Amino acid sequence: MQNHVISLASAAERRAHIADTFGARGIPFQFFDALMPSERLEQAMAELVPGLSAHPYLSGVEKACFMSHAVLWKQALDEGLPYIAVFEDDVLLGEGAEKFLAEDAWLQERFDPDSAFIVRLETMFMHVLTSPSGVADYCGRAFPLLESEHWGTAGYIISRKAMRFFLDRFAVLPSERLKAVDWMLFSSFLDKGGMTVCQLTPALCIQSETLPSQLKNGRQESHRNRRSPKVLLKRALGKIGREIERARERKRQKKLEKQLGRHVVPFE
């Protein structure tokens, strides 16, 4: 398994944490230098997600986080990789993580590398909806389908076809149809065309609460930006069609909730 950890080149404390966390378990990994607000970020947005540059309320840090994932996917596609595991540098790993991340035979036995799929490894302890996928358990962990939003991108496996799907879609979406990257991957906001998104249960990783977070500060800034009159007007103008989509999705989720119930994905 190719494990890529998105991290600022200057984040010495976080990189030491990753080296200890992965190294202690014999899990191979490589750092991917995260983007920050800069000319490099502007160039990446212009090339891959042009609508993001003029986004009305995502902060510069949120845009950089979004593009760090997108640029990493582009690199993986250029290298011809069938899938990659992606982590952020505040991740904490659960028991037996090396059985999932130091090898990939289990993945090839359960997922078609030529199909579009994501295996979400993280939990944010939200109440979520999942449904049976038919994928066989591995090492005491199941792979149900994720049927509702579940925030965070601290750990996931994504296939080549899924990376291509998102990059193709992001390239043409207008600003108002873009959200933070975790919303794009793990919510019903974007129609994924039947892509398989599995939630590993129990989850294999969580985000640390002790390491300092620039993204958290950036999201606080974006929440302030969302309240500006100009942004509120623009959002209202594009709201009607999206509300119809959301109503349809809420109806679907309500039916599933009645059948299956929501639950918190544990971490072990």
Protein backbone atom coordinates (compact mmCIF):
# COMPACT_ATOMS: atom_id res chain seq x y z
CA MET A 1 0.00 0.00 0.00
CA GLN A 2 1.30 3.45 -0.86
CA ASN A 3 0.58 5.65 2.17
CA HIS A 4 0.82 9.40 1.57
CA VAL A 5 0.75 11.81 4.50
CA ILE A 6 -0.20 15.40 3.67
CA SER A 7 1.93 17.69 5.82
CA LEU A 8 3.49 21.13 5.67
CA ALA A 9 7.22 20.89 5.04
CA SER A 10 7.75 23.13 8.08
CA ALA A 11 5.55 21.07 10.46
CA ALA A 12 8.38 19.45 12.40
CA GLU A 13 6.24 18.38 15.39
CA ARG A 14 3.59 16.77 13.23
CA ARG A 15 6.13 15.04 11.01
CA ALA A 16 7.86 13.61 14.07
CA HIS A 17 4.46 12.35 15.26
CA ILE A 18 3.87 10.59 11.93
CA ALA A 19 7.36 9.08 11.86
CA ASP A 20 6.77 7.66 15.35
CA THR A 21 3.20 6.51 14.66
CA PHE A 22 3.87 4.78 11.35
CA GLY A 23 7.43 3.73 12.08
CA ALA A 24 6.53 1.90 15.30
CA ARG A 25 4.22 -0.35 13.30
CA GLY A 26 6.49 -0.88 10.32
CA ILE A 27 4.08 0.97 8.00
CA PRO A 28 5.76 2.53 4.95
CA PHE A 29 4.79 6.12 4.17
CA GLN A 30 5.90 9.21 2.35
CA PHE A 31 5.17 12.84 3.06
CA PHE A 32 3.37 14.99 0.52
CA ASP A 33 4.14 18.67 1.04
CA ALA A 34 0.86 20.38 1.79
CA LEU A 35 -0.04 23.61 0.05
CA MET A 36 -0.58 26.90 1.84
CA PRO A 37 -1.96 30.22 0.52
CA SER A 38 0.68 31.12 -2.08
CA GLU A 39 1.32 31.51 -5.79
CA ARG A 40 1.71 27.73 -5.98
CA LEU A 41 -1.82 27.35 -4.58
CA GLU A 42 -3.23 29.84 -7.09
CA GLN A 43 -1.56 27.97 -9.95
CA ALA A 44 -2.91 24.61 -8.72
CA MET A 45 -6.45 26.00 -8.43
CA ALA A 46 -6.29 27.51 -11.92
CA GLU A 47 -5.20 24.16 -13.34
CA LEU A 48 -7.41 21.73 -11.42
CA VAL A 49 -10.27 23.52 -9.63
CA PRO A 50 -10.71 26.99 -11.18
CA GLY A 51 -13.96 27.65 -9.33
CA LEU A 52 -12.21 27.40 -5.97
CA SER A 53 -10.09 30.53 -6.34
CA ALA A 54 -13.13 32.84 -6.30
CA HIS A 55 -15.00 30.86 -3.64
CA PRO A 56 -17.01 33.32 -1.55
CA TYR A 57 -16.38 31.97 1.94
CA LEU A 58 -13.84 29.13 2.12
CA SER A 59 -10.73 30.47 3.84
CA GLY A 60 -7.30 30.39 2.28
CA VAL A 61 -6.30 27.53 4.57
CA GLU A 62 -9.40 25.52 3.59
CA LYS A 63 -8.64 26.09 -0.09
CA ALA A 64 -5.07 24.93 0.51
CA CYS A 65 -6.32 21.80 2.29
CA PHE A 66 -8.72 21.07 -0.59
CA MET A 67 -5.98 21.50 -3.17
CA SER A 68 -3.43 19.44 -1.22
CA HIS A 69 -5.71 16.44 -1.69
CA ALA A 70 -6.46 17.29 -5.33
CA VAL A 71 -2.80 17.79 -6.28
CA LEU A 72 -1.86 14.53 -4.56
CA TRP A 73 -4.55 12.70 -6.58
CA LYS A 74 -3.20 14.26 -9.77
CA GLN A 75 0.30 13.07 -8.88
CA ALA A 76 -0.97 9.54 -8.22
CA LEU A 77 -2.78 9.51 -11.58
CA ASP A 78 0.34 10.74 -13.36
CA GLU A 79 2.29 7.90 -11.73
CA GLY A 80 -0.31 5.33 -12.84
CA LEU A 81 -1.12 4.14 -9.31
CA PRO A 82 -4.28 2.00 -9.01
CA TYR A 83 -5.10 3.42 -5.54
CA ILE A 84 -3.45 5.26 -2.65
CA ALA A 85 -4.04 5.71 1.07
CA VAL A 86 -4.20 9.37 2.09
CA PHE A 87 -3.63 10.68 5.60
CA GLU A 88 -3.34 14.04 7.27
CA ASP A 89 -0.49 14.59 9.69
CA ASP A 90 -2.58 14.68 12.88
CA VAL A 91 -3.85 11.12 12.43
CA LEU A 92 -3.85 8.52 15.22
CA LEU A 93 -3.89 4.84 14.19
CA GLY A 94 -5.85 2.02 15.79
CA GLU A 95 -4.95 -1.52 16.72
CA GLY A 96 -3.61 -3.68 13.90
CA ALA A 97 -3.31 -0.77 11.46
CA GLU A 98 -0.27 -2.41 9.89
CA LYS A 99 -2.46 -5.27 8.63
CA PHE A 100 -4.30 -2.74 6.47
CA LEU A 101 -1.53 -0.29 5.60
CA ALA A 102 1.64 -2.36 5.29
CA GLU A 103 0.06 -4.64 2.67
CA ASP A 104 -2.75 -4.45 0.14
CA ALA A 105 -3.70 -8.03 -0.74
CA TRP A 106 -6.83 -7.63 1.41
CA LEU A 107 -7.89 -4.62 -0.69
CA GLN A 108 -7.34 -6.38 -4.01
CA GLU A 109 -9.40 -9.34 -2.78
CA ARG A 110 -12.37 -7.10 -1.88
CA PHE A 111 -12.35 -4.23 -4.38
CA ASP A 112 -11.85 -4.05 -8.13
CA PRO A 113 -8.86 -1.71 -8.65
CA ASP A 114 -10.42 -0.57 -11.93
CA SER A 115 -13.63 0.58 -10.23
CA ALA A 116 -14.40 3.87 -8.48
CA PHE A 117 -14.31 3.40 -4.71
CA ILE A 118 -13.27 5.01 -1.45
CA VAL A 119 -12.65 3.20 1.82
CA ARG A 120 -13.01 5.70 4.63
CA LEU A 121 -10.68 4.73 7.49
CA GLU A 122 -11.54 7.54 9.91
CA THR A 123 -14.37 8.23 12.33
CA MET A 124 -15.44 11.62 13.68
CA PHE A 125 -17.88 9.95 16.11
CA MET A 126 -20.85 11.42 14.25
CA HIS A 127 -24.18 9.61 14.09
CA VAL A 128 -24.15 8.17 10.59
CA LEU A 129 -26.15 5.90 8.36
CA THR A 130 -24.56 2.80 6.88
CA SER A 131 -25.95 -0.18 4.98
CA PRO A 132 -24.59 -3.65 4.12
CA SER A 133 -22.15 -3.69 1.20
CA GLY A 134 -21.54 -7.39 0.75
CA VAL A 135 -17.79 -6.83 1.18
CA ALA A 136 -16.22 -9.46 3.44
CA ASP A 137 -14.88 -8.39 6.85
CA TYR A 138 -11.13 -8.29 7.41
CA CYS A 139 -9.33 -8.57 10.75
CA GLY A 140 -12.52 -7.91 12.69
CA ARG A 141 -13.50 -4.79 10.72
CA ALA A 142 -16.46 -4.43 8.36
CA PHE A 143 -16.93 -2.36 5.19
CA PRO A 144 -20.53 -1.07 5.18
CA LEU A 145 -21.62 1.56 2.67
CA LEU A 146 -21.62 5.11 4.02
CA GLU A 147 -25.10 6.53 3.43
CA SER A 148 -24.86 9.95 5.13
CA GLU A 149 -22.38 12.74 5.73
CA HIS A 150 -19.29 12.01 7.81
CA TRP A 151 -16.77 14.82 8.02
CA GLY A 152 -12.99 14.65 8.00
CA THR A 153 -10.24 13.50 5.63
CA ALA A 154 -7.64 12.27 8.13
CA GLY A 155 -7.52 8.82 6.52
CA TYR A 156 -9.00 7.16 3.42
CA ILE A 157 -8.11 4.90 0.50
CA ILE A 158 -9.12 6.12 -2.93
CA SER A 159 -8.96 4.34 -6.29
CA ARG A 160 -7.66 5.72 -9.57
CA LYS A 161 -11.13 5.91 -11.10
CA ALA A 162 -12.48 7.77 -8.05
CA MET A 163 -9.59 10.26 -8.17
CA ARG A 164 -10.28 10.85 -11.85
CA PHE A 165 -14.01 11.25 -11.18
CA PHE A 166 -13.47 13.95 -8.56
CA LEU A 167 -10.84 15.83 -10.54
CA ASP A 168 -13.03 15.83 -13.66
CA ARG A 169 -16.02 17.04 -11.65
CA PHE A 170 -14.07 19.67 -9.69
CA ALA A 171 -12.66 21.12 -12.93
CA VAL A 172 -16.11 22.23 -14.10
CA LEU A 173 -18.00 23.01 -10.91
CA PRO A 174 -18.75 26.71 -10.28
CA SER A 175 -17.74 28.26 -6.96
CA GLU A 176 -21.15 27.89 -5.38
CA ARG A 177 -21.10 24.13 -5.97
CA LEU A 178 -17.81 23.62 -4.16
CA LYS A 179 -17.47 22.90 -0.44
CA ALA A 180 -14.64 21.89 1.86
CA VAL A 181 -12.94 18.74 0.57
CA ASP A 182 -14.39 16.42 3.25
CA TRP A 183 -17.89 17.53 2.30
CA MET A 184 -17.19 16.77 -1.33
CA LEU A 185 -15.98 13.27 -0.54
CA PHE A 186 -18.15 12.21 2.37
CA SER A 187 -21.55 13.86 2.12
CA SER A 188 -24.52 13.71 -0.22
CA PHE A 189 -23.74 17.23 -1.45
CA LEU A 190 -22.11 15.93 -4.63
CA ASP A 191 -23.73 13.23 -6.77
CA LYS A 192 -21.05 10.56 -6.97
CA GLY A 193 -22.74 8.59 -9.72
CA GLY A 194 -23.05 5.37 -7.78
CA MET A 195 -19.45 5.35 -6.54
CA THR A 196 -18.82 2.90 -3.69
CA VAL A 197 -17.93 4.70 -0.44
CA CYS A 198 -17.32 2.25 2.40
CA GLN A 199 -16.89 3.18 6.06
CA LEU A 200 -14.41 0.89 7.81
CA THR A 201 -16.05 -0.21 11.05
CA PRO A 202 -14.57 -0.04 13.65
CA ALA A 203 -12.56 2.82 12.20
CA LEU A 204 -8.81 2.52 11.84
CA CYS A 205 -7.95 6.14 12.63
CA ILE A 206 -9.03 9.40 14.23
CA GLN A 207 -7.67 12.93 14.31
CA SER A 208 -5.55 14.04 17.25
CA GLU A 209 -7.06 16.68 19.52
CA THR A 210 -3.70 17.80 20.90
CA LEU A 211 -1.71 18.85 17.82
CA PRO A 212 -2.25 22.51 16.76
CA SER A 213 -4.55 22.93 13.76
CA GLN A 214 -4.30 25.69 11.15
CA LEU A 215 -7.32 24.20 9.39
CA LYS A 216 -9.49 24.69 12.48
CA ASN A 217 -8.52 28.37 12.56
CA GLY A 218 -9.19 28.62 8.83
CA ARG A 219 -12.65 27.15 9.25
CA GLN A 220 -13.48 29.68 11.94
CA GLU A 221 -12.52 32.39 9.43
CA SER A 222 -14.72 30.83 6.75
CA HIS A 223 -17.72 30.75 9.10
CA ARG A 224 -17.32 34.52 9.58
CA ASN A 225 -17.06 35.04 5.81
CA ARG A 226 -20.31 33.14 5.21
CA ARG A 227 -22.29 35.82 7.05
CA SER A 228 -21.42 38.69 4.67
CA PRO A 229 -24.44 40.18 2.79
CA LYS A 230 -22.84 39.55 -0.61
CA VAL A 231 -22.25 35.88 0.16
CA LEU A 232 -25.72 35.42 1.64
CA LEU A 233 -27.34 36.90 -1.50
CA LYS A 234 -25.29 34.72 -3.85
CA ARG A 235 -26.13 31.62 -1.84
CA ALA A 236 -29.84 32.46 -1.86
CA LEU A 237 -29.90 32.79 -5.65
CA GLY A 238 -28.56 29.29 -6.14
CA LYS A 239 -30.50 27.71 -3.32
CA ILE A 240 -33.75 26.58 -4.93
CA GLY A 241 -32.37 23.77 -7.09
CA ARG A 242 -30.13 22.53 -4.32
CA GLU A 243 -33.02 22.48 -1.87
CA ILE A 244 -34.91 20.14 -4.19
CA GLU A 245 -31.88 17.83 -4.28
CA ARG A 246 -31.49 17.98 -0.51
CA ALA A 247 -35.18 17.27 0.07
CA ARG A 248 -34.87 14.17 -2.11
CA GLU A 249 -31.76 13.07 -0.23
CA ARG A 250 -33.36 13.72 3.19
CA LYS A 251 -36.28 11.56 2.17
CA ARG A 252 -33.91 8.76 1.16
CA GLN A 253 -31.94 9.04 4.39
CA LYS A 254 -35.09 9.14 6.50
CA LYS A 255 -36.23 5.88 4.93
CA LEU A 256 -32.84 4.29 5.61
CA GLU A 257 -32.81 5.63 9.15
CA LYS A 258 -36.16 4.03 9.81
CA GLN A 259 -34.88 0.73 8.47
CA LEU A 260 -31.35 0.73 9.87
CA GLY A 261 -30.95 3.54 12.42
CA ARG A 262 -28.02 5.89 12.84
CA HIS A 263 -25.00 4.89 14.86
CA VAL A 264 -21.56 6.14 15.89
CA VAL A 265 -18.63 4.44 14.17
CA PRO A 266 -16.24 3.39 16.96
CA PHE A 267 -12.46 3.61 16.91
CA GLU A 268 -10.32 0.67 17.93
